[in-house]
């Protein structure tokens, strides 16, 4: 069990020394936050690629009807749910970092 958890921790690019200072619940929290961050990045890339493909199709087939740029609606005010999901992951990372720093200060 611990070997699998350590392998997931290292695959996520986390520090080995910090792994041994955290409780299993904290390790799982950091890993879950990392997973959610990666999924969000993948979804952002998918949206960007889809929009680019649409613009390329317009530019090639109908350059005169190319749509004007409009900033996304969520750029001005993100929905509360999306902001809160990102906050949880960031909160767990900061918490893990602070715990690691406190434990390393002890000696």
PDB file of N, CA and C in Angstrom:
ATOM      1  N   UNK A   1       0.833  -1.198   0.000  1.00  0.00           N
ATOM      2  CA  UNK A   1       0.000   0.000   0.000  1.00  0.00           C
ATOM      3  C   UNK A   1       0.871   1.254   0.000  1.00  0.00           C
ATOM      4  N   UNK A   2       1.845   1.315   0.901  1.00  0.00           N
ATOM      5  CA  UNK A   2       2.669   2.520   0.999  1.00  0.00           C
ATOM      6  C   UNK A   2       3.540   2.693  -0.236  1.00  0.00           C
ATOM      7  N   UNK A   3       3.968   1.570  -0.836  1.00  0.00           N
ATOM      8  CA  UNK A   3       4.781   1.651  -2.048  1.00  0.00           C
ATOM      9  C   UNK A   3       3.976   2.221  -3.212  1.00  0.00           C
ATOM     10  N   UNK A   4       2.712   1.812  -3.313  1.00  0.00           N
ATOM     11  CA  UNK A   4       1.840   2.338  -4.369  1.00  0.00           C
ATOM     12  C   UNK A   4       1.592   3.827  -4.177  1.00  0.00           C
ATOM     13  N   UNK A   5       1.382   4.219  -2.926  1.00  0.00           N
ATOM     14  CA  UNK A   5       1.150   5.625  -2.623  1.00  0.00           C
ATOM     15  C   UNK A   5       2.395   6.451  -2.930  1.00  0.00           C
ATOM     16  N   UNK A   6       3.567   5.929  -2.563  1.00  0.00           N
ATOM     17  CA  UNK A   6       4.823   6.624  -2.853  1.00  0.00           C
ATOM     18  C   UNK A   6       5.043   6.731  -4.365  1.00  0.00           C
ATOM     19  N   UNK A   7       4.711   5.680  -5.112  1.00  0.00           N
ATOM     20  CA  UNK A   7       4.865   5.718  -6.568  1.00  0.00           C
ATOM     21  C   UNK A   7       3.962   6.790  -7.177  1.00  0.00           C
ATOM     22  N   UNK A   8       2.721   6.884  -6.699  1.00  0.00           N
ATOM     23  CA  UNK A   8       1.805   7.921  -7.187  1.00  0.00           C
ATOM     24  C   UNK A   8       2.320   9.310  -6.823  1.00  0.00           C
ATOM     25  N   UNK A   9       2.890   9.436  -5.620  1.00  0.00           N
ATOM     26  CA  UNK A   9       3.440  10.705  -5.137  1.00  0.00           C
ATOM     27  C   UNK A   9       4.586  11.166  -6.048  1.00  0.00           C
ATOM     28  N   UNK A  10       5.475  10.247  -6.363  1.00  0.00           N
ATOM     29  CA  UNK A  10       6.618  10.589  -7.213  1.00  0.00           C
ATOM     30  C   UNK A  10       6.179  10.860  -8.649  1.00  0.00           C
ATOM     31  N   UNK A  11       5.188  10.113  -9.134  1.00  0.00           N
ATOM     32  CA  UNK A  11       4.674  10.343 -10.484  1.00  0.00           C
ATOM     33  C   UNK A  11       4.031  11.726 -10.601  1.00  0.00           C
ATOM     34  N   UNK A  12       3.520  12.233  -9.489  1.00  0.00           N
ATOM     35  CA  UNK A  12       2.910  13.564  -9.481  1.00  0.00           C
ATOM     36  C   UNK A  12       3.968  14.670  -9.387  1.00  0.00           C
ATOM     37  N   UNK A  13       5.246  14.267  -9.264  1.00  0.00           N
ATOM     38  CA  UNK A  13       6.323  15.250  -9.227  1.00  0.00           C
ATOM     39  C   UNK A  13       6.525  15.891  -7.872  1.00  0.00           C
ATOM     40  N   UNK A  14       6.097  15.225  -6.820  1.00  0.00           N
ATOM     41  CA  UNK A  14       6.225  15.782  -5.476  1.00  0.00           C
ATOM     42  C   UNK A  14       7.568  15.395  -4.855  1.00  0.00           C
ATOM     43  N   UNK A  15       7.952  16.103  -3.805  1.00  0.00           N
ATOM     44  CA  UNK A  15       9.220  15.888  -3.108  1.00  0.00           C
ATOM     45  C   UNK A  15       9.156  14.624  -2.249  1.00  0.00           C
ATOM     46  N   UNK A  16      10.178  13.790  -2.346  1.00  0.00           N
ATOM     47  CA  UNK A  16      10.204  12.526  -1.611  1.00  0.00           C
ATOM     48  C   UNK A  16      10.232  12.745  -0.105  1.00  0.00           C
ATOM     49  N   UNK A  17      11.034  13.702   0.353  1.00  0.00           N
ATOM     50  CA  UNK A  17      11.152  13.937   1.798  1.00  0.00           C
ATOM     51  C   UNK A  17       9.831  14.390   2.403  1.00  0.00           C
ATOM     52  N   UNK A  18       9.090  15.198   1.674  1.00  0.00           N
ATOM     53  CA  UNK A  18       7.804  15.682   2.182  1.00  0.00           C
ATOM     54  C   UNK A  18       6.815  14.536   2.352  1.00  0.00           C
ATOM     55  N   UNK A  19       6.900  13.538   1.484  1.00  0.00           N
ATOM     56  CA  UNK A  19       5.993  12.385   1.562  1.00  0.00           C
ATOM     57  C   UNK A  19       6.042  11.742   2.942  1.00  0.00           C
ATOM     58  N   UNK A  20       7.240  11.582   3.498  1.00  0.00           N
ATOM     59  CA  UNK A  20       7.395  10.881   4.773  1.00  0.00           C
ATOM     60  C   UNK A  20       6.983  11.728   5.964  1.00  0.00           C
ATOM     61  N   UNK A  21       6.783  13.017   5.755  1.00  0.00           N
ATOM     62  CA  UNK A  21       6.381  13.909   6.845  1.00  0.00           C
ATOM     63  C   UNK A  21       4.870  14.085   6.948  1.00  0.00           C
ATOM     64  N   UNK A  22       4.156  13.659   5.927  1.00  0.00           N
ATOM     65  CA  UNK A  22       2.705  13.854   5.895  1.00  0.00           C
ATOM     66  C   UNK A  22       1.967  12.589   6.307  1.00  0.00           C
ATOM     67  N   UNK A  23       0.754  12.798   6.783  1.00  0.00           N
ATOM     68  CA  UNK A  23      -0.102  11.653   7.082  1.00  0.00           C
ATOM     69  C   UNK A  23      -0.671  11.112   5.771  1.00  0.00           C
ATOM     70  N   UNK A  24      -1.123   9.862   5.767  1.00  0.00           N
ATOM     71  CA  UNK A  24      -1.721   9.331   4.526  1.00  0.00           C
ATOM     72  C   UNK A  24      -2.886  10.179   4.015  1.00  0.00           C
ATOM     73  N   UNK A  25      -3.673  10.725   4.908  1.00  0.00           N
ATOM     74  CA  UNK A  25      -4.797  11.579   4.487  1.00  0.00           C
ATOM     75  C   UNK A  25      -4.299  12.835   3.785  1.00  0.00           C
ATOM     76  N   UNK A  26      -3.213  13.434   4.306  1.00  0.00           N
ATOM     77  CA  UNK A  26      -2.655  14.627   3.676  1.00  0.00           C
ATOM     78  C   UNK A  26      -2.037  14.285   2.314  1.00  0.00           C
ATOM     79  N   UNK A  27      -1.367  13.138   2.238  1.00  0.00           N
ATOM     80  CA  UNK A  27      -0.781  12.703   0.968  1.00  0.00           C
ATOM     81  C   UNK A  27      -1.887  12.522  -0.070  1.00  0.00           C
ATOM     82  N   UNK A  28      -2.960  11.862   0.321  1.00  0.00           N
ATOM     83  CA  UNK A  28      -4.078  11.659  -0.609  1.00  0.00           C
ATOM     84  C   UNK A  28      -4.713  12.989  -1.007  1.00  0.00           C
ATOM     85  N   UNK A  29      -4.767  13.931  -0.074  1.00  0.00           N
ATOM     86  CA  UNK A  29      -5.309  15.252  -0.392  1.00  0.00           C
ATOM     87  C   UNK A  29      -4.473  15.975  -1.430  1.00  0.00           C
ATOM     88  N   UNK A  30      -3.158  15.916  -1.270  1.00  0.00           N
ATOM     89  CA  UNK A  30      -2.265  16.556  -2.239  1.00  0.00           C
ATOM     90  C   UNK A  30      -2.387  15.876  -3.600  1.00  0.00           C
ATOM     91  N   UNK A  31      -2.437  14.545  -3.598  1.00  0.00           N
ATOM     92  CA  UNK A  31      -2.549  13.811  -4.859  1.00  0.00           C
ATOM     93  C   UNK A  31      -3.878  14.097  -5.547  1.00  0.00           C
ATOM     94  N   UNK A  32      -4.944  14.185  -4.780  1.00  0.00           N
ATOM     95  CA  UNK A  32      -6.254  14.491  -5.358  1.00  0.00           C
ATOM     96  C   UNK A  32      -6.253  15.896  -5.951  1.00  0.00           C
ATOM     97  N   UNK A  33      -5.643  16.844  -5.242  1.00  0.00           N
ATOM     98  CA  UNK A  33      -5.540  18.207  -5.764  1.00  0.00           C
ATOM     99  C   UNK A  33      -4.724  18.264  -7.042  1.00  0.00           C
ATOM    100  N   UNK A  34      -3.638  17.507  -7.083  1.00  0.00           N
ATOM    101  CA  UNK A  34      -2.811  17.452  -8.290  1.00  0.00           C
ATOM    102  C   UNK A  34      -3.585  16.847  -9.451  1.00  0.00           C
ATOM    103  N   UNK A  35      -4.356  15.798  -9.173  1.00  0.00           N
ATOM    104  CA  UNK A  35      -5.164  15.157 -10.210  1.00  0.00           C
ATOM    105  C   UNK A  35      -6.203  16.131 -10.776  1.00  0.00           C
ATOM    106  N   UNK A  36      -6.887  16.845  -9.892  1.00  0.00           N
ATOM    107  CA  UNK A  36      -7.897  17.807 -10.345  1.00  0.00           C
ATOM    108  C   UNK A  36      -7.263  18.930 -11.161  1.00  0.00           C
ATOM    109  N   UNK A  37      -6.079  19.387 -10.747  1.00  0.00           N
ATOM    110  CA  UNK A  37      -5.389  20.431 -11.495  1.00  0.00           C
ATOM    111  C   UNK A  37      -5.035  19.942 -12.889  1.00  0.00           C
ATOM    112  N   UNK A  38      -4.532  18.727 -12.987  1.00  0.00           N
ATOM    113  CA  UNK A  38      -4.174  18.178 -14.302  1.00  0.00           C
ATOM    114  C   UNK A  38      -5.399  18.010 -15.190  1.00  0.00           C
ATOM    115  N   UNK A  39      -6.503  17.536 -14.634  1.00  0.00           N
ATOM    116  CA  UNK A  39      -7.730  17.383 -15.422  1.00  0.00           C
ATOM    117  C   UNK A  39      -8.213  18.745 -15.936  1.00  0.00           C
ATOM    118  N   UNK A  40      -8.112  19.773 -15.092  1.00  0.00           N
ATOM    119  CA  UNK A  40      -8.508  21.120 -15.492  1.00  0.00           C
ATOM    120  C   UNK A  40      -7.625  21.626 -16.636  1.00  0.00           C
ATOM    121  N   UNK A  41      -6.316  21.373 -16.534  1.00  0.00           N
ATOM    122  CA  UNK A  41      -5.404  21.788 -17.597  1.00  0.00           C
ATOM    123  C   UNK A  41      -5.713  21.067 -18.910  1.00  0.00           C
ATOM    124  N   UNK A  42      -6.018  19.775 -18.846  1.00  0.00           N
ATOM    125  CA  UNK A  42      -6.359  19.014 -20.047  1.00  0.00           C
ATOM    126  C   UNK A  42      -7.634  19.557 -20.670  1.00  0.00           C
ATOM    127  N   UNK A  43      -8.622  19.853 -19.850  1.00  0.00           N
ATOM    128  CA  UNK A  43      -9.881  20.393 -20.380  1.00  0.00           C
ATOM    129  C   UNK A  43      -9.665  21.774 -20.993  1.00  0.00           C
ATOM    130  N   UNK A  44      -8.822  22.595 -20.366  1.00  0.00           N
ATOM    131  CA  UNK A  44      -8.512  23.906 -20.938  1.00  0.00           C
ATOM    132  C   UNK A  44      -7.841  23.764 -22.305  1.00  0.00           C
ATOM    133  N   UNK A  45      -6.936  22.805 -22.420  1.00  0.00           N
ATOM    134  CA  UNK A  45      -6.270  22.575 -23.711  1.00  0.00           C
ATOM    135  C   UNK A  45      -7.264  22.089 -24.764  1.00  0.00           C
ATOM    136  N   UNK A  46      -8.199  21.229 -24.371  1.00  0.00           N
ATOM    137  CA  UNK A  46      -9.194  20.734 -25.319  1.00  0.00           C
ATOM    138  C   UNK A  46     -10.045  21.884 -25.860  1.00  0.00           C
ATOM    139  N   UNK A  47     -10.450  22.790 -24.985  1.00  0.00           N
ATOM    140  CA  UNK A  47     -11.264  23.931 -25.411  1.00  0.00           C
ATOM    141  C   UNK A  47     -10.467  24.810 -26.364  1.00  0.00           C
ATOM    142  N   UNK A  48      -9.212  25.067 -26.020  1.00  0.00           N
ATOM    143  CA  UNK A  48      -8.367  25.899 -26.870  1.00  0.00           C
ATOM    144  C   UNK A  48      -8.164  25.262 -28.241  1.00  0.00           C
ATOM    145  N   UNK A  49      -7.913  23.969 -28.275  1.00  0.00           N
ATOM    146  CA  UNK A  49      -7.709  23.284 -29.554  1.00  0.00           C
ATOM    147  C   UNK A  49      -8.982  23.278 -30.397  1.00  0.00           C
ATOM    148  N   UNK A  50     -10.120  23.128 -29.749  1.00  0.00           N
ATOM    149  CA  UNK A  50     -11.389  23.149 -30.487  1.00  0.00           C
ATOM    150  C   UNK A  50     -11.634  24.529 -31.094  1.00  0.00           C
ATOM    151  N   UNK A  51     -11.390  25.568 -30.316  1.00  0.00           N
ATOM    152  CA  UNK A  51     -11.574  26.920 -30.840  1.00  0.00           C
ATOM    153  C   UNK A  51     -10.600  27.203 -31.982  1.00  0.00           C
ATOM    154  N   UNK A  52      -9.374  26.744 -31.854  1.00  0.00           N
ATOM    155  CA  UNK A  52      -8.391  26.942 -32.915  1.00  0.00           C
ATOM    156  C   UNK A  52      -8.810  26.217 -34.193  1.00  0.00           C
ATOM    157  N   UNK A  53      -9.296  24.985 -34.042  1.00  0.00           N
ATOM    158  CA  UNK A  53      -9.743  24.234 -35.221  1.00  0.00           C
ATOM    159  C   UNK A  53     -10.904  24.947 -35.909  1.00  0.00           C
ATOM    160  N   UNK A  54     -11.802  25.516 -35.141  1.00  0.00           N
ATOM    161  CA  UNK A  54     -12.925  26.259 -35.716  1.00  0.00           C
ATOM    162  C   UNK A  54     -12.436  27.474 -36.492  1.00  0.00           C
ATOM    163  N   UNK A  55     -11.489  28.207 -35.905  1.00  0.00           N
ATOM    164  CA  UNK A  55     -10.965  29.393 -36.589  1.00  0.00           C
ATOM    165  C   UNK A  55     -10.193  29.018 -37.849  1.00  0.00           C
ATOM    166  N   UNK A  56      -9.455  27.928 -37.805  1.00  0.00           N
ATOM    167  CA  UNK A  56      -8.734  27.480 -38.998  1.00  0.00           C
ATOM    168  C   UNK A  56      -9.721  27.105 -40.100  1.00  0.00           C
ATOM    169  N   UNK A  57     -10.804  26.438 -39.739  1.00  0.00           N
ATOM    170  CA  UNK A  57     -11.820  26.071 -40.731  1.00  0.00           C
ATOM    171  C   UNK A  57     -12.427  27.312 -41.362  1.00  0.00           C
ATOM    172  N   UNK A  58     -12.739  28.324 -40.527  1.00  0.00           N
ATOM    173  CA  UNK A  58     -13.271  29.574 -41.084  1.00  0.00           C
ATOM    174  C   UNK A  58     -12.247  30.241 -41.989  1.00  0.00           C
ATOM    175  N   UNK A  59     -11.006  30.313 -41.549  1.00  0.00           N
ATOM    176  CA  UNK A  59      -9.958  30.995 -42.328  1.00  0.00           C
ATOM    177  C   UNK A  59      -9.748  30.323 -43.676  1.00  0.00           C
ATOM    178  N   UNK A  60      -9.872  29.013 -43.722  1.00  0.00           N
ATOM    179  CA  UNK A  60      -9.635  28.291 -44.967  1.00  0.00           C
ATOM    180  C   UNK A  60     -10.857  28.321 -45.892  1.00  0.00           C
ATOM    181  N   UNK A  61     -12.035  28.071 -45.330  1.00  0.00           N
ATOM    182  CA  UNK A  61     -13.230  27.921 -46.160  1.00  0.00           C
ATOM    183  C   UNK A  61     -14.023  29.214 -46.349  1.00  0.00           C
ATOM    184  N   UNK A  62     -14.115  30.035 -45.314  1.00  0.00           N
ATOM    185  CA  UNK A  62     -14.930  31.250 -45.386  1.00  0.00           C
ATOM    186  C   UNK A  62     -14.197  32.408 -44.700  1.00  0.00           C
ATOM    187  N   UNK A  63     -13.094  32.894 -45.251  1.00  0.00           N
ATOM    188  CA  UNK A  63     -12.328  33.943 -44.566  1.00  0.00           C
ATOM    189  C   UNK A  63     -13.123  35.225 -44.336  1.00  0.00           C
ATOM    190  N   UNK A  64     -14.085  35.513 -45.188  1.00  0.00           N
ATOM    191  CA  UNK A  64     -14.885  36.724 -45.021  1.00  0.00           C
ATOM    192  C   UNK A  64     -15.848  36.639 -43.844  1.00  0.00           C
ATOM    193  N   UNK A  65     -16.184  35.430 -43.415  1.00  0.00           N
ATOM    194  CA  UNK A  65     -17.131  35.243 -42.313  1.00  0.00           C
ATOM    195  C   UNK A  65     -16.426  34.877 -41.000  1.00  0.00           C
ATOM    196  N   UNK A  66     -15.141  35.138 -40.934  1.00  0.00           N
ATOM    197  CA  UNK A  66     -14.377  34.806 -39.732  1.00  0.00           C
ATOM    198  C   UNK A  66     -14.950  35.565 -38.535  1.00  0.00           C
ATOM    199  N   UNK A  67     -15.286  34.874 -37.445  1.00  0.00           N
ATOM    200  CA  UNK A  67     -15.888  35.563 -36.291  1.00  0.00           C
ATOM    201  C   UNK A  67     -14.879  36.461 -35.575  1.00  0.00           C
ATOM    202  N   UNK A  68     -15.385  37.544 -34.997  1.00  0.00           N
ATOM    203  CA  UNK A  68     -14.541  38.445 -34.219  1.00  0.00           C
ATOM    204  C   UNK A  68     -14.209  37.797 -32.874  1.00  0.00           C
ATOM    205  N   UNK A  69     -13.110  38.251 -32.301  1.00  0.00           N
ATOM    206  CA  UNK A  69     -12.702  37.724 -30.988  1.00  0.00           C
ATOM    207  C   UNK A  69     -13.606  38.282 -29.896  1.00  0.00           C
ATOM    208  N   UNK A  70     -14.073  37.404 -29.048  1.00  0.00           N
ATOM    209  CA  UNK A  70     -14.871  37.799 -27.882  1.00  0.00           C
ATOM    210  C   UNK A  70     -14.258  37.100 -26.670  1.00  0.00           C
ATOM    211  N   UNK A  71     -13.880  37.861 -25.649  1.00  0.00           N
ATOM    212  CA  UNK A  71     -13.324  37.211 -24.465  1.00  0.00           C
ATOM    213  C   UNK A  71     -14.382  36.331 -23.805  1.00  0.00           C
ATOM    214  N   UNK A  72     -13.961  35.223 -23.203  1.00  0.00           N
ATOM    215  CA  UNK A  72     -14.936  34.336 -22.566  1.00  0.00           C
ATOM    216  C   UNK A  72     -15.635  35.030 -21.403  1.00  0.00           C
ATOM    217  N   UNK A  73     -16.872  34.637 -21.180  1.00  0.00           N
ATOM    218  CA  UNK A  73     -17.667  35.252 -20.108  1.00  0.00           C
ATOM    219  C   UNK A  73     -17.050  34.999 -18.744  1.00  0.00           C
ATOM    220  N   UNK A  74     -16.466  33.818 -18.532  1.00  0.00           N
ATOM    221  CA  UNK A  74     -15.931  33.505 -17.217  1.00  0.00           C
ATOM    222  C   UNK A  74     -14.621  34.220 -16.916  1.00  0.00           C
ATOM    223  N   UNK A  75     -14.022  34.902 -17.900  1.00  0.00           N
ATOM    224  CA  UNK A  75     -12.775  35.624 -17.653  1.00  0.00           C
ATOM    225  C   UNK A  75     -13.010  36.786 -16.697  1.00  0.00           C
ATOM    226  N   UNK A  76     -14.188  37.399 -16.749  1.00  0.00           N
ATOM    227  CA  UNK A  76     -14.452  38.532 -15.876  1.00  0.00           C
ATOM    228  C   UNK A  76     -14.860  38.109 -14.475  1.00  0.00           C
ATOM    229  N   UNK A  77     -15.652  37.075 -14.344  1.00  0.00           N
ATOM    230  CA  UNK A  77     -16.097  36.625 -13.023  1.00  0.00           C
ATOM    231  C   UNK A  77     -16.318  35.119 -13.061  1.00  0.00           C
ATOM    232  N   UNK A  78     -15.347  34.342 -12.557  1.00  0.00           N
ATOM    233  CA  UNK A  78     -15.514  32.888 -12.591  1.00  0.00           C
ATOM    234  C   UNK A  78     -16.655  32.436 -11.678  1.00  0.00           C
ATOM    235  N   UNK A  79     -17.361  31.379 -12.059  1.00  0.00           N
ATOM    236  CA  UNK A  79     -18.419  30.855 -11.198  1.00  0.00           C
ATOM    237  C   UNK A  79     -17.854  30.407  -9.857  1.00  0.00           C
ATOM    238  N   UNK A  80     -18.648  30.483  -8.819  1.00  0.00           N
ATOM    239  CA  UNK A  80     -18.182  30.157  -7.468  1.00  0.00           C
ATOM    240  C   UNK A  80     -17.714  28.708  -7.367  1.00  0.00           C
ATOM    241  N   UNK A  81     -18.365  27.782  -8.060  1.00  0.00           N
ATOM    242  CA  UNK A  81     -18.000  26.370  -7.966  1.00  0.00           C
ATOM    243  C   UNK A  81     -16.604  26.118  -8.510  1.00  0.00           C
ATOM    244  N   UNK A  82     -16.256  26.695  -9.665  1.00  0.00           N
ATOM    245  CA  UNK A  82     -14.937  26.486 -10.248  1.00  0.00           C
ATOM    246  C   UNK A  82     -13.854  27.099  -9.376  1.00  0.00           C
ATOM    247  N   UNK A  83     -14.087  28.282  -8.846  1.00  0.00           N
ATOM    248  CA  UNK A  83     -13.097  28.923  -7.993  1.00  0.00           C
ATOM    249  C   UNK A  83     -12.888  28.112  -6.723  1.00  0.00           C
ATOM    250  N   UNK A  84     -13.960  27.538  -6.184  1.00  0.00           N
ATOM    251  CA  UNK A  84     -13.854  26.778  -4.954  1.00  0.00           C
ATOM    252  C   UNK A  84     -13.103  25.472  -5.172  1.00  0.00           C
ATOM    253  N   UNK A  85     -13.295  24.811  -6.317  1.00  0.00           N
ATOM    254  CA  UNK A  85     -12.589  23.564  -6.604  1.00  0.00           C
ATOM    255  C   UNK A  85     -11.094  23.813  -6.686  1.00  0.00           C
ATOM    256  N   UNK A  86     -10.682  24.894  -7.339  1.00  0.00           N
ATOM    257  CA  UNK A  86      -9.266  25.228  -7.415  1.00  0.00           C
ATOM    258  C   UNK A  86      -8.716  25.595  -6.058  1.00  0.00           C
ATOM    259  N   UNK A  87      -9.542  26.239  -5.237  1.00  0.00           N
ATOM    260  CA  UNK A  87      -9.110  26.638  -3.906  1.00  0.00           C
ATOM    261  C   UNK A  87      -8.788  25.421  -3.056  1.00  0.00           C
ATOM    262  N   UNK A  88      -9.598  24.361  -3.148  1.00  0.00           N
ATOM    263  CA  UNK A  88      -9.345  23.152  -2.360  1.00  0.00           C
ATOM    264  C   UNK A  88      -7.978  22.559  -2.682  1.00  0.00           C
ATOM    265  N   UNK A  89      -7.642  22.466  -3.942  1.00  0.00           N
ATOM    266  CA  UNK A  89      -6.350  21.903  -4.338  1.00  0.00           C
ATOM    267  C   UNK A  89      -5.213  22.788  -3.859  1.00  0.00           C
ATOM    268  N   UNK A  90      -5.352  24.089  -4.032  1.00  0.00           N
ATOM    269  CA  UNK A  90      -4.311  25.008  -3.574  1.00  0.00           C
ATOM    270  C   UNK A  90      -4.183  24.968  -2.059  1.00  0.00           C
ATOM    271  N   UNK A  91      -5.302  24.884  -1.382  1.00  0.00           N
ATOM    272  CA  UNK A  91      -5.290  24.824   0.077  1.00  0.00           C
ATOM    273  C   UNK A  91      -4.519  23.602   0.562  1.00  0.00           C
ATOM    274  N   UNK A  92      -4.758  22.458  -0.050  1.00  0.00           N
ATOM    275  CA  UNK A  92      -4.065  21.232   0.349  1.00  0.00           C
ATOM    276  C   UNK A  92      -2.573  21.321   0.068  1.00  0.00           C
ATOM    277  N   UNK A  93      -2.196  21.906  -1.037  1.00  0.00           N
ATOM    278  CA  UNK A  93      -0.771  22.059  -1.354  1.00  0.00           C
ATOM    279  C   UNK A  93      -0.079  22.963  -0.341  1.00  0.00           C
ATOM    280  N   UNK A  94      -0.699  24.099  -0.046  1.00  0.00           N
ATOM    281  CA  UNK A  94      -0.104  25.030   0.910  1.00  0.00           C
ATOM    282  C   UNK A  94      -0.041  24.396   2.292  1.00  0.00           C
ATOM    283  N   UNK A  95      -1.081  23.699   2.667  1.00  0.00           N
ATOM    284  CA  UNK A  95      -1.097  23.034   3.966  1.00  0.00           C
ATOM    285  C   UNK A  95       0.033  22.013   4.069  1.00  0.00           C
ATOM    286  N   UNK A  96       0.201  21.213   3.023  1.00  0.00           N
ATOM    287  CA  UNK A  96       1.281  20.235   3.014  1.00  0.00           C
ATOM    288  C   UNK A  96       2.650  20.890   3.089  1.00  0.00           C
ATOM    289  N   UNK A  97       2.809  21.996   2.355  1.00  0.00           N
ATOM    290  CA  UNK A  97       4.077  22.714   2.380  1.00  0.00           C
ATOM    291  C   UNK A  97       4.370  23.266   3.763  1.00  0.00           C
ATOM    292  N   UNK A  98       3.372  23.872   4.401  1.00  0.00           N
ATOM    293  CA  UNK A  98       3.570  24.444   5.735  1.00  0.00           C
ATOM    294  C   UNK A  98       3.872  23.367   6.774  1.00  0.00           C
ATOM    295  N   UNK A  99       3.207  22.240   6.673  1.00  0.00           N
ATOM    296  CA  UNK A  99       3.489  21.142   7.598  1.00  0.00           C
ATOM    297  C   UNK A  99       4.916  20.654   7.400  1.00  0.00           C
ATOM    298  N   UNK A 100       5.326  20.509   6.134  1.00  0.00           N
ATOM    299  CA  UNK A 100       6.702  20.100   5.850  1.00  0.00           C
ATOM    300  C   UNK A 100       7.721  21.077   6.384  1.00  0.00           C
ATOM    301  N   UNK A 101       7.448  22.371   6.238  1.00  0.00           N
ATOM    302  CA  UNK A 101       8.366  23.382   6.741  1.00  0.00           C
ATOM    303  C   UNK A 101       8.441  23.354   8.267  1.00  0.00           C
ATOM    304  N   UNK A 102       7.307  23.138   8.911  1.00  0.00           N
ATOM    305  CA  UNK A 102       7.293  23.081  10.376  1.00  0.00           C
ATOM    306  C   UNK A 102       8.066  21.864  10.881  1.00  0.00           C
ATOM    307  N   UNK A 103       7.905  20.748  10.202  1.00  0.00           N
ATOM    308  CA  UNK A 103       8.617  19.547  10.621  1.00  0.00           C
ATOM    309  C   UNK A 103      10.113  19.640  10.347  1.00  0.00           C
ATOM    310  N   UNK A 104      10.507  20.300   9.266  1.00  0.00           N
ATOM    311  CA  UNK A 104      11.939  20.425   8.974  1.00  0.00           C
ATOM    312  C   UNK A 104      12.599  21.409   9.925  1.00  0.00           C
ATOM    313  N   UNK A 105      11.833  22.362  10.468  1.00  0.00           N
ATOM    314  CA  UNK A 105      12.407  23.314  11.418  1.00  0.00           C
ATOM    315  C   UNK A 105      12.722  22.661  12.755  1.00  0.00           C
ATOM    316  N   UNK A 106      12.031  21.578  13.071  1.00  0.00           N
ATOM    317  CA  UNK A 106      12.271  20.871  14.326  1.00  0.00           C
ATOM    318  C   UNK A 106      13.624  20.180  14.338  1.00  0.00           C
ATOM    319  N   UNK A 107      14.102  19.841  13.183  1.00  0.00           N
ATOM    320  CA  UNK A 107      15.437  19.231  13.123  1.00  0.00           C
ATOM    321  C   UNK A 107      15.371  17.892  12.619  1.00  0.00           C
TER     322      UNK A 107
END
